[in-house]
């Protein structure tokens, strides 16, 4: 479980923040397993909103989103080009897919 790191933080508004980082070099097959294992180790309780920030390959991003999308009403992912989080998954009528969050 050294190819990918996931840590959990909290934003000022009380929402969860997943911080992502690559670890030791590995194939995407290994990295996806390590990423999901790291998510499970956090024992996420869920909630209204989780923000995701950090580098991820497409397979890793999909696996992480799948895991947290079952526990949180809204999943927003950091877009460094615009400096905001973009809502990627939403089960909340107040936040739609594509909405931007600071």
PDB file of N, CA and C in Angstrom:
ATOM      1  N   UNK A   1       0.832  -1.185   0.000  1.00  0.00           N
ATOM      2  CA  UNK A   1       0.000   0.000   0.000  1.00  0.00           C
ATOM      3  C   UNK A   1       0.878   1.250   0.000  1.00  0.00           C
ATOM      4  N   UNK A   2       1.953   1.208  -0.723  1.00  0.00           N
ATOM      5  CA  UNK A   2       2.855   2.350  -0.763  1.00  0.00           C
ATOM      6  C   UNK A   2       2.753   3.164  -2.042  1.00  0.00           C
ATOM      7  N   UNK A   3       1.918   2.714  -2.998  1.00  0.00           N
ATOM      8  CA  UNK A   3       1.868   3.411  -4.278  1.00  0.00           C
ATOM      9  C   UNK A   3       0.906   4.591  -4.279  1.00  0.00           C
ATOM     10  N   UNK A   4       0.038   4.681  -3.271  1.00  0.00           N
ATOM     11  CA  UNK A   4      -0.927   5.777  -3.241  1.00  0.00           C
ATOM     12  C   UNK A   4      -1.283   6.117  -1.804  1.00  0.00           C
ATOM     13  N   UNK A   5      -1.405   7.408  -1.540  1.00  0.00           N
ATOM     14  CA  UNK A   5      -1.693   7.888  -0.189  1.00  0.00           C
ATOM     15  C   UNK A   5      -2.993   8.692  -0.201  1.00  0.00           C
ATOM     16  N   UNK A   6      -3.833   8.454   0.773  1.00  0.00           N
ATOM     17  CA  UNK A   6      -5.075   9.205   0.938  1.00  0.00           C
ATOM     18  C   UNK A   6      -5.186   9.594   2.399  1.00  0.00           C
ATOM     19  N   UNK A   7      -5.359  10.880   2.655  1.00  0.00           N
ATOM     20  CA  UNK A   7      -5.565  11.342   4.026  1.00  0.00           C
ATOM     21  C   UNK A   7      -6.872  12.117   4.094  1.00  0.00           C
ATOM     22  N   UNK A   8      -7.440  12.146   5.271  1.00  0.00           N
ATOM     23  CA  UNK A   8      -8.719  12.809   5.486  1.00  0.00           C
ATOM     24  C   UNK A   8      -8.529  14.050   6.335  1.00  0.00           C
ATOM     25  N   UNK A   9      -9.067  15.140   5.869  1.00  0.00           N
ATOM     26  CA  UNK A   9      -9.063  16.385   6.617  1.00  0.00           C
ATOM     27  C   UNK A   9     -10.469  16.927   6.688  1.00  0.00           C
ATOM     28  N   UNK A  10     -10.570  18.122   7.244  1.00  0.00           N
ATOM     29  CA  UNK A  10     -11.880  18.755   7.359  1.00  0.00           C
ATOM     30  C   UNK A  10     -11.765  20.222   6.989  1.00  0.00           C
ATOM     31  N   UNK A  11     -12.737  20.705   6.229  1.00  0.00           N
ATOM     32  CA  UNK A  11     -12.790  22.099   5.823  1.00  0.00           C
ATOM     33  C   UNK A  11     -13.452  22.931   6.919  1.00  0.00           C
ATOM     34  N   UNK A  12     -13.327  24.242   6.815  1.00  0.00           N
ATOM     35  CA  UNK A  12     -13.915  25.147   7.806  1.00  0.00           C
ATOM     36  C   UNK A  12     -15.427  24.985   7.907  1.00  0.00           C
ATOM     37  N   UNK A  13     -16.079  24.639   6.793  1.00  0.00           N
ATOM     38  CA  UNK A  13     -17.533  24.479   6.808  1.00  0.00           C
ATOM     39  C   UNK A  13     -17.974  23.115   7.344  1.00  0.00           C
ATOM     40  N   UNK A  14     -17.020  22.289   7.776  1.00  0.00           N
ATOM     41  CA  UNK A  14     -17.337  20.984   8.338  1.00  0.00           C
ATOM     42  C   UNK A  14     -17.336  19.854   7.328  1.00  0.00           C
ATOM     43  N   UNK A  15     -17.197  20.166   6.044  1.00  0.00           N
ATOM     44  CA  UNK A  15     -17.168  19.111   5.037  1.00  0.00           C
ATOM     45  C   UNK A  15     -15.826  18.372   5.090  1.00  0.00           C
ATOM     46  N   UNK A  16     -15.849  17.172   4.554  1.00  0.00           N
ATOM     47  CA  UNK A  16     -14.644  16.345   4.532  1.00  0.00           C
ATOM     48  C   UNK A  16     -13.766  16.727   3.345  1.00  0.00           C
ATOM     49  N   UNK A  17     -12.467  16.519   3.503  1.00  0.00           N
ATOM     50  CA  UNK A  17     -11.499  16.774   2.441  1.00  0.00           C
ATOM     51  C   UNK A  17     -10.573  15.575   2.321  1.00  0.00           C
ATOM     52  N   UNK A  18     -10.593  14.927   1.154  1.00  0.00           N
ATOM     53  CA  UNK A  18      -9.642  13.854   0.875  1.00  0.00           C
ATOM     54  C   UNK A  18      -8.455  14.448   0.161  1.00  0.00           C
ATOM     55  N   UNK A  19      -7.272  14.227   0.702  1.00  0.00           N
ATOM     56  CA  UNK A  19      -6.033  14.684   0.079  1.00  0.00           C
ATOM     57  C   UNK A  19      -5.352  13.462  -0.539  1.00  0.00           C
ATOM     58  N   UNK A  20      -5.079  13.552  -1.826  1.00  0.00           N
ATOM     59  CA  UNK A  20      -4.520  12.430  -2.576  1.00  0.00           C
ATOM     60  C   UNK A  20      -3.073  12.677  -2.944  1.00  0.00           C
ATOM     61  N   UNK A  21      -2.282  11.598  -3.015  1.00  0.00           N
ATOM     62  CA  UNK A  21      -0.886  11.713  -3.437  1.00  0.00           C
ATOM     63  C   UNK A  21      -0.384  10.363  -3.925  1.00  0.00           C
ATOM     64  N   UNK A  22       0.419  10.412  -4.982  1.00  0.00           N
ATOM     65  CA  UNK A  22       1.078   9.191  -5.436  1.00  0.00           C
ATOM     66  C   UNK A  22       2.206   8.858  -4.470  1.00  0.00           C
ATOM     67  N   UNK A  23       2.485   7.579  -4.341  1.00  0.00           N
ATOM     68  CA  UNK A  23       3.599   7.107  -3.530  1.00  0.00           C
ATOM     69  C   UNK A  23       4.674   6.548  -4.435  1.00  0.00           C
ATOM     70  N   UNK A  24       5.117   5.349  -4.132  1.00  0.00           N
ATOM     71  CA  UNK A  24       6.148   4.697  -4.927  1.00  0.00           C
ATOM     72  C   UNK A  24       5.597   4.307  -6.296  1.00  0.00           C
ATOM     73  N   UNK A  25       6.440   4.321  -7.327  1.00  0.00           N
ATOM     74  CA  UNK A  25       5.978   3.973  -8.676  1.00  0.00           C
ATOM     75  C   UNK A  25       5.355   2.578  -8.734  1.00  0.00           C
ATOM     76  N   UNK A  26       4.253   2.479  -9.485  1.00  0.00           N
ATOM     77  CA  UNK A  26       3.553   1.210  -9.661  1.00  0.00           C
ATOM     78  C   UNK A  26       2.644   1.332 -10.870  1.00  0.00           C
ATOM     79  N   UNK A  27       2.068   0.207 -11.282  1.00  0.00           N
ATOM     80  CA  UNK A  27       1.114   0.221 -12.395  1.00  0.00           C
ATOM     81  C   UNK A  27      -0.249   0.684 -11.872  1.00  0.00           C
ATOM     82  N   UNK A  28      -1.103   1.137 -12.788  1.00  0.00           N
ATOM     83  CA  UNK A  28      -2.435   1.571 -12.382  1.00  0.00           C
ATOM     84  C   UNK A  28      -3.212   0.465 -11.685  1.00  0.00           C
ATOM     85  N   UNK A  29      -3.001  -0.784 -12.099  1.00  0.00           N
ATOM     86  CA  UNK A  29      -3.678  -1.899 -11.436  1.00  0.00           C
ATOM     87  C   UNK A  29      -3.352  -1.962  -9.954  1.00  0.00           C
ATOM     88  N   UNK A  30      -2.103  -1.752  -9.617  1.00  0.00           N
ATOM     89  CA  UNK A  30      -1.674  -1.747  -8.212  1.00  0.00           C
ATOM     90  C   UNK A  30      -2.140  -0.471  -7.503  1.00  0.00           C
ATOM     91  N   UNK A  31      -2.030   0.643  -8.191  1.00  0.00           N
ATOM     92  CA  UNK A  31      -2.384   1.931  -7.576  1.00  0.00           C
ATOM     93  C   UNK A  31      -3.865   1.972  -7.227  1.00  0.00           C
ATOM     94  N   UNK A  32      -4.729   1.463  -8.106  1.00  0.00           N
ATOM     95  CA  UNK A  32      -6.173   1.448  -7.829  1.00  0.00           C
ATOM     96  C   UNK A  32      -6.457   0.641  -6.564  1.00  0.00           C
ATOM     97  N   UNK A  33      -5.830  -0.501  -6.444  1.00  0.00           N
ATOM     98  CA  UNK A  33      -6.029  -1.331  -5.247  1.00  0.00           C
ATOM     99  C   UNK A  33      -5.560  -0.587  -4.004  1.00  0.00           C
ATOM    100  N   UNK A  34      -4.388   0.034  -4.064  1.00  0.00           N
ATOM    101  CA  UNK A  34      -3.872   0.785  -2.916  1.00  0.00           C
ATOM    102  C   UNK A  34      -4.774   1.969  -2.570  1.00  0.00           C
ATOM    103  N   UNK A  35      -5.297   2.649  -3.581  1.00  0.00           N
ATOM    104  CA  UNK A  35      -6.168   3.803  -3.328  1.00  0.00           C
ATOM    105  C   UNK A  35      -7.450   3.362  -2.629  1.00  0.00           C
ATOM    106  N   UNK A  36      -8.085   2.310  -3.117  1.00  0.00           N
ATOM    107  CA  UNK A  36      -9.331   1.834  -2.494  1.00  0.00           C
ATOM    108  C   UNK A  36      -9.054   1.293  -1.094  1.00  0.00           C
ATOM    109  N   UNK A  37      -7.946   0.605  -0.926  1.00  0.00           N
ATOM    110  CA  UNK A  37      -7.569   0.110   0.403  1.00  0.00           C
ATOM    111  C   UNK A  37      -7.375   1.282   1.369  1.00  0.00           C
ATOM    112  N   UNK A  38      -6.738   2.349   0.898  1.00  0.00           N
ATOM    113  CA  UNK A  38      -6.527   3.533   1.737  1.00  0.00           C
ATOM    114  C   UNK A  38      -7.857   4.196   2.102  1.00  0.00           C
ATOM    115  N   UNK A  39      -8.791   4.244   1.165  1.00  0.00           N
ATOM    116  CA  UNK A  39     -10.123   4.810   1.449  1.00  0.00           C
ATOM    117  C   UNK A  39     -10.815   3.975   2.521  1.00  0.00           C
ATOM    118  N   UNK A  40     -10.785   2.659   2.385  1.00  0.00           N
ATOM    119  CA  UNK A  40     -11.419   1.786   3.380  1.00  0.00           C
ATOM    120  C   UNK A  40     -10.795   1.953   4.757  1.00  0.00           C
ATOM    121  N   UNK A  41      -9.482   2.141   4.798  1.00  0.00           N
ATOM    122  CA  UNK A  41      -8.785   2.299   6.080  1.00  0.00           C
ATOM    123  C   UNK A  41      -9.219   3.569   6.812  1.00  0.00           C
ATOM    124  N   UNK A  42      -9.720   4.558   6.074  1.00  0.00           N
ATOM    125  CA  UNK A  42     -10.173   5.803   6.706  1.00  0.00           C
ATOM    126  C   UNK A  42     -11.500   5.626   7.441  1.00  0.00           C
ATOM    127  N   UNK A  43     -12.229   4.552   7.143  1.00  0.00           N
ATOM    128  CA  UNK A  43     -13.528   4.277   7.773  1.00  0.00           C
ATOM    129  C   UNK A  43     -14.430   5.521   7.713  1.00  0.00           C
ATOM    130  N   UNK A  44     -14.619   6.017   6.502  1.00  0.00           N
ATOM    131  CA  UNK A  44     -15.419   7.226   6.303  1.00  0.00           C
ATOM    132  C   UNK A  44     -16.851   7.031   6.788  1.00  0.00           C
ATOM    133  N   UNK A  45     -17.345   8.008   7.512  1.00  0.00           N
ATOM    134  CA  UNK A  45     -18.707   7.947   8.049  1.00  0.00           C
ATOM    135  C   UNK A  45     -19.726   8.508   7.063  1.00  0.00           C
ATOM    136  N   UNK A  46     -19.255   9.319   6.127  1.00  0.00           N
ATOM    137  CA  UNK A  46     -20.160   9.919   5.158  1.00  0.00           C
ATOM    138  C   UNK A  46     -20.655  11.273   5.619  1.00  0.00           C
ATOM    139  N   UNK A  47     -21.484  11.879   4.791  1.00  0.00           N
ATOM    140  CA  UNK A  47     -22.014  13.195   5.106  1.00  0.00           C
ATOM    141  C   UNK A  47     -22.553  13.863   3.862  1.00  0.00           C
ATOM    142  N   UNK A  48     -22.761  15.166   3.953  1.00  0.00           N
ATOM    143  CA  UNK A  48     -23.341  15.916   2.843  1.00  0.00           C
ATOM    144  C   UNK A  48     -22.344  16.118   1.706  1.00  0.00           C
ATOM    145  N   UNK A  49     -21.090  16.509   2.035  1.00  0.00           N
ATOM    146  CA  UNK A  49     -20.148  16.930   0.999  1.00  0.00           C
ATOM    147  C   UNK A  49     -18.738  16.452   1.323  1.00  0.00           C
ATOM    148  N   UNK A  50     -18.079  15.936   0.291  1.00  0.00           N
ATOM    149  CA  UNK A  50     -16.661  15.633   0.405  1.00  0.00           C
ATOM    150  C   UNK A  50     -15.955  16.279  -0.780  1.00  0.00           C
ATOM    151  N   UNK A  51     -14.823  16.904  -0.487  1.00  0.00           N
ATOM    152  CA  UNK A  51     -13.978  17.500  -1.511  1.00  0.00           C
ATOM    153  C   UNK A  51     -12.776  16.582  -1.719  1.00  0.00           C
ATOM    154  N   UNK A  52     -12.338  16.464  -2.971  1.00  0.00           N
ATOM    155  CA  UNK A  52     -11.182  15.633  -3.301  1.00  0.00           C
ATOM    156  C   UNK A  52     -10.143  16.523  -3.960  1.00  0.00           C
ATOM    157  N   UNK A  53      -8.901  16.443  -3.466  1.00  0.00           N
ATOM    158  CA  UNK A  53      -7.841  17.308  -3.966  1.00  0.00           C
ATOM    159  C   UNK A  53      -6.544  16.519  -4.049  1.00  0.00           C
ATOM    160  N   UNK A  54      -5.919  16.542  -5.203  1.00  0.00           N
ATOM    161  CA  UNK A  54      -4.629  15.893  -5.370  1.00  0.00           C
ATOM    162  C   UNK A  54      -4.573  15.126  -6.670  1.00  0.00           C
ATOM    163  N   UNK A  55      -3.381  14.676  -7.040  1.00  0.00           N
ATOM    164  CA  UNK A  55      -3.214  13.986  -8.311  1.00  0.00           C
ATOM    165  C   UNK A  55      -3.798  12.576  -8.298  1.00  0.00           C
ATOM    166  N   UNK A  56      -4.363  12.204  -9.448  1.00  0.00           N
ATOM    167  CA  UNK A  56      -4.911  10.853  -9.598  1.00  0.00           C
ATOM    168  C   UNK A  56      -4.971  10.518 -11.082  1.00  0.00           C
ATOM    169  N   UNK A  57      -4.635   9.297 -11.415  1.00  0.00           N
ATOM    170  CA  UNK A  57      -4.869   8.829 -12.785  1.00  0.00           C
ATOM    171  C   UNK A  57      -6.375   8.643 -12.951  1.00  0.00           C
ATOM    172  N   UNK A  58      -6.833   8.519 -14.167  1.00  0.00           N
ATOM    173  CA  UNK A  58      -8.264   8.347 -14.405  1.00  0.00           C
ATOM    174  C   UNK A  58      -8.819   7.103 -13.711  1.00  0.00           C
ATOM    175  N   UNK A  59      -8.162   5.931 -13.797  1.00  0.00           N
ATOM    176  CA  UNK A  59      -8.692   4.769 -13.078  1.00  0.00           C
ATOM    177  C   UNK A  59      -8.775   4.993 -11.569  1.00  0.00           C
ATOM    178  N   UNK A  60      -7.796   5.658 -10.996  1.00  0.00           N
ATOM    179  CA  UNK A  60      -7.803   5.929  -9.555  1.00  0.00           C
ATOM    180  C   UNK A  60      -8.925   6.901  -9.204  1.00  0.00           C
ATOM    181  N   UNK A  61      -9.095   7.944 -10.006  1.00  0.00           N
ATOM    182  CA  UNK A  61     -10.157   8.926  -9.751  1.00  0.00           C
ATOM    183  C   UNK A  61     -11.531   8.270  -9.782  1.00  0.00           C
ATOM    184  N   UNK A  62     -11.752   7.378 -10.736  1.00  0.00           N
ATOM    185  CA  UNK A  62     -13.038   6.700 -10.834  1.00  0.00           C
ATOM    186  C   UNK A  62     -13.253   5.794  -9.621  1.00  0.00           C
ATOM    187  N   UNK A  63     -12.237   5.049  -9.230  1.00  0.00           N
ATOM    188  CA  UNK A  63     -12.363   4.142  -8.083  1.00  0.00           C
ATOM    189  C   UNK A  63     -12.633   4.913  -6.790  1.00  0.00           C
ATOM    190  N   UNK A  64     -11.924   5.997  -6.583  1.00  0.00           N
ATOM    191  CA  UNK A  64     -12.127   6.806  -5.379  1.00  0.00           C
ATOM    192  C   UNK A  64     -13.524   7.417  -5.383  1.00  0.00           C
ATOM    193  N   UNK A  65     -13.933   7.971  -6.513  1.00  0.00           N
ATOM    194  CA  UNK A  65     -15.258   8.579  -6.606  1.00  0.00           C
ATOM    195  C   UNK A  65     -16.357   7.557  -6.337  1.00  0.00           C
ATOM    196  N   UNK A  66     -16.171   6.364  -6.852  1.00  0.00           N
ATOM    197  CA  UNK A  66     -17.142   5.296  -6.608  1.00  0.00           C
ATOM    198  C   UNK A  66     -17.249   4.985  -5.113  1.00  0.00           C
ATOM    199  N   UNK A  67     -16.111   4.880  -4.461  1.00  0.00           N
ATOM    200  CA  UNK A  67     -16.110   4.552  -3.032  1.00  0.00           C
ATOM    201  C   UNK A  67     -16.781   5.638  -2.192  1.00  0.00           C
ATOM    202  N   UNK A  68     -16.438   6.890  -2.425  1.00  0.00           N
ATOM    203  CA  UNK A  68     -16.985   7.961  -1.581  1.00  0.00           C
ATOM    204  C   UNK A  68     -18.385   8.367  -2.014  1.00  0.00           C
ATOM    205  N   UNK A  69     -18.737   8.104  -3.269  1.00  0.00           N
ATOM    206  CA  UNK A  69     -20.058   8.469  -3.770  1.00  0.00           C
ATOM    207  C   UNK A  69     -21.185   7.716  -3.099  1.00  0.00           C
ATOM    208  N   UNK A  70     -20.874   6.587  -2.480  1.00  0.00           N
ATOM    209  CA  UNK A  70     -21.880   5.814  -1.741  1.00  0.00           C
ATOM    210  C   UNK A  70     -22.126   6.387  -0.341  1.00  0.00           C
ATOM    211  N   UNK A  71     -21.197   7.214   0.137  1.00  0.00           N
ATOM    212  CA  UNK A  71     -21.288   7.692   1.518  1.00  0.00           C
ATOM    213  C   UNK A  71     -21.595   9.177   1.639  1.00  0.00           C
ATOM    214  N   UNK A  72     -21.393   9.929   0.578  1.00  0.00           N
ATOM    215  CA  UNK A  72     -21.573  11.382   0.616  1.00  0.00           C
ATOM    216  C   UNK A  72     -22.611  11.804  -0.424  1.00  0.00           C
ATOM    217  N   UNK A  73     -23.382  12.806  -0.081  1.00  0.00           N
ATOM    218  CA  UNK A  73     -24.393  13.314  -0.992  1.00  0.00           C
ATOM    219  C   UNK A  73     -23.809  14.055  -2.170  1.00  0.00           C
ATOM    220  N   UNK A  74     -22.651  14.675  -1.972  1.00  0.00           N
ATOM    221  CA  UNK A  74     -21.998  15.451  -3.025  1.00  0.00           C
ATOM    222  C   UNK A  74     -20.506  15.147  -2.993  1.00  0.00           C
ATOM    223  N   UNK A  75     -19.948  14.904  -4.183  1.00  0.00           N
ATOM    224  CA  UNK A  75     -18.510  14.718  -4.340  1.00  0.00           C
ATOM    225  C   UNK A  75     -18.028  15.828  -5.275  1.00  0.00           C
ATOM    226  N   UNK A  76     -17.113  16.650  -4.780  1.00  0.00           N
ATOM    227  CA  UNK A  76     -16.558  17.747  -5.571  1.00  0.00           C
ATOM    228  C   UNK A  76     -15.053  17.550  -5.703  1.00  0.00           C
ATOM    229  N   UNK A  77     -14.532  17.790  -6.906  1.00  0.00           N
ATOM    230  CA  UNK A  77     -13.132  17.528  -7.215  1.00  0.00           C
ATOM    231  C   UNK A  77     -12.432  18.838  -7.576  1.00  0.00           C
ATOM    232  N   UNK A  78     -11.236  19.035  -7.043  1.00  0.00           N
ATOM    233  CA  UNK A  78     -10.462  20.267  -7.261  1.00  0.00           C
ATOM    234  C   UNK A  78     -10.046  20.393  -8.724  1.00  0.00           C
ATOM    235  N   UNK A  79     -10.268  21.574  -9.282  1.00  0.00           N
ATOM    236  CA  UNK A  79      -9.793  21.899 -10.629  1.00  0.00           C
ATOM    237  C   UNK A  79      -8.787  23.036 -10.495  1.00  0.00           C
ATOM    238  N   UNK A  80      -7.494  22.737 -10.624  1.00  0.00           N
ATOM    239  CA  UNK A  80      -6.483  23.775 -10.418  1.00  0.00           C
ATOM    240  C   UNK A  80      -6.523  24.877 -11.479  1.00  0.00           C
ATOM    241  N   UNK A  81      -7.082  24.596 -12.638  1.00  0.00           N
ATOM    242  CA  UNK A  81      -7.147  25.617 -13.695  1.00  0.00           C
ATOM    243  C   UNK A  81      -8.064  26.774 -13.318  1.00  0.00           C
ATOM    244  N   UNK A  82      -9.128  26.464 -12.571  1.00  0.00           N
ATOM    245  CA  UNK A  82     -10.070  27.525 -12.181  1.00  0.00           C
ATOM    246  C   UNK A  82     -10.010  27.840 -10.688  1.00  0.00           C
ATOM    247  N   UNK A  83      -9.256  27.055  -9.945  1.00  0.00           N
ATOM    248  CA  UNK A  83      -9.094  27.314  -8.517  1.00  0.00           C
ATOM    249  C   UNK A  83     -10.350  27.078  -7.707  1.00  0.00           C
ATOM    250  N   UNK A  84     -11.155  26.121  -8.148  1.00  0.00           N
ATOM    251  CA  UNK A  84     -12.393  25.790  -7.430  1.00  0.00           C
ATOM    252  C   UNK A  84     -12.632  24.282  -7.503  1.00  0.00           C
ATOM    253  N   UNK A  85     -13.540  23.818  -6.654  1.00  0.00           N
ATOM    254  CA  UNK A  85     -13.991  22.437  -6.717  1.00  0.00           C
ATOM    255  C   UNK A  85     -15.179  22.364  -7.663  1.00  0.00           C
ATOM    256  N   UNK A  86     -15.228  21.306  -8.476  1.00  0.00           N
ATOM    257  CA  UNK A  86     -16.324  21.086  -9.401  1.00  0.00           C
ATOM    258  C   UNK A  86     -17.146  19.903  -8.887  1.00  0.00           C
ATOM    259  N   UNK A  87     -18.446  20.104  -8.740  1.00  0.00           N
ATOM    260  CA  UNK A  87     -19.322  19.017  -8.295  1.00  0.00           C
ATOM    261  C   UNK A  87     -19.379  17.967  -9.408  1.00  0.00           C
ATOM    262  N   UNK A  88     -18.960  16.739  -9.080  1.00  0.00           N
ATOM    263  CA  UNK A  88     -18.914  15.649 -10.046  1.00  0.00           C
ATOM    264  C   UNK A  88     -20.000  14.605  -9.802  1.00  0.00           C
ATOM    265  N   UNK A  89     -20.432  14.490  -8.560  1.00  0.00           N
ATOM    266  CA  UNK A  89     -21.510  13.576  -8.173  1.00  0.00           C
ATOM    267  C   UNK A  89     -22.413  14.347  -7.223  1.00  0.00           C
ATOM    268  N   UNK A  90     -23.717  14.274  -7.450  1.00  0.00           N
ATOM    269  CA  UNK A  90     -24.621  14.959  -6.521  1.00  0.00           C
ATOM    270  C   UNK A  90     -25.950  14.227  -6.385  1.00  0.00           C
ATOM    271  N   UNK A  91     -26.340  14.043  -5.129  1.00  0.00           N
ATOM    272  CA  UNK A  91     -27.657  13.529  -4.765  1.00  0.00           C
ATOM    273  C   UNK A  91     -28.372  14.603  -3.956  1.00  0.00           C
ATOM    274  N   UNK A  92     -27.915  15.834  -4.057  1.00  0.00           N
ATOM    275  CA  UNK A  92     -28.404  16.965  -3.263  1.00  0.00           C
ATOM    276  C   UNK A  92     -29.003  18.004  -4.216  1.00  0.00           C
ATOM    277  N   UNK A  93     -30.276  18.336  -4.048  1.00  0.00           N
ATOM    278  CA  UNK A  93     -30.903  19.297  -4.969  1.00  0.00           C
ATOM    279  C   UNK A  93     -30.310  20.705  -4.897  1.00  0.00           C
ATOM    280  N   UNK A  94     -29.579  21.015  -3.839  1.00  0.00           N
ATOM    281  CA  UNK A  94     -28.982  22.342  -3.702  1.00  0.00           C
ATOM    282  C   UNK A  94     -27.640  22.476  -4.426  1.00  0.00           C
ATOM    283  N   UNK A  95     -27.029  21.366  -4.778  1.00  0.00           N
ATOM    284  CA  UNK A  95     -25.755  21.378  -5.511  1.00  0.00           C
ATOM    285  C   UNK A  95     -25.893  20.448  -6.708  1.00  0.00           C
ATOM    286  N   UNK A  96     -25.755  21.007  -7.900  1.00  0.00           N
ATOM    287  CA  UNK A  96     -25.909  20.242  -9.133  1.00  0.00           C
ATOM    288  C   UNK A  96     -24.530  19.897  -9.704  1.00  0.00           C
ATOM    289  N   UNK A  97     -24.504  18.855 -10.501  1.00  0.00           N
ATOM    290  CA  UNK A  97     -23.282  18.493 -11.224  1.00  0.00           C
ATOM    291  C   UNK A  97     -22.852  19.707 -12.045  1.00  0.00           C
ATOM    292  N   UNK A  98     -21.566  20.033 -11.936  1.00  0.00           N
ATOM    293  CA  UNK A  98     -21.019  21.185 -12.650  1.00  0.00           C
ATOM    294  C   UNK A  98     -20.962  22.447 -11.820  1.00  0.00           C
ATOM    295  N   UNK A  99     -21.668  22.476 -10.681  1.00  0.00           N
ATOM    296  CA  UNK A  99     -21.577  23.648  -9.809  1.00  0.00           C
ATOM    297  C   UNK A  99     -20.154  23.800  -9.307  1.00  0.00           C
ATOM    298  N   UNK A 100     -19.749  25.037  -9.071  1.00  0.00           N
ATOM    299  CA  UNK A 100     -18.412  25.338  -8.553  1.00  0.00           C
ATOM    300  C   UNK A 100     -18.495  25.708  -7.084  1.00  0.00           C
ATOM    301  N   UNK A 101     -17.537  25.194  -6.308  1.00  0.00           N
ATOM    302  CA  UNK A 101     -17.469  25.433  -4.871  1.00  0.00           C
ATOM    303  C   UNK A 101     -16.079  25.974  -4.539  1.00  0.00           C
ATOM    304  N   UNK A 102     -16.019  26.964  -3.674  1.00  0.00           N
ATOM    305  CA  UNK A 102     -14.720  27.493  -3.235  1.00  0.00           C
ATOM    306  C   UNK A 102     -14.020  26.530  -2.300  1.00  0.00           C
TER     307      UNK A 102
END
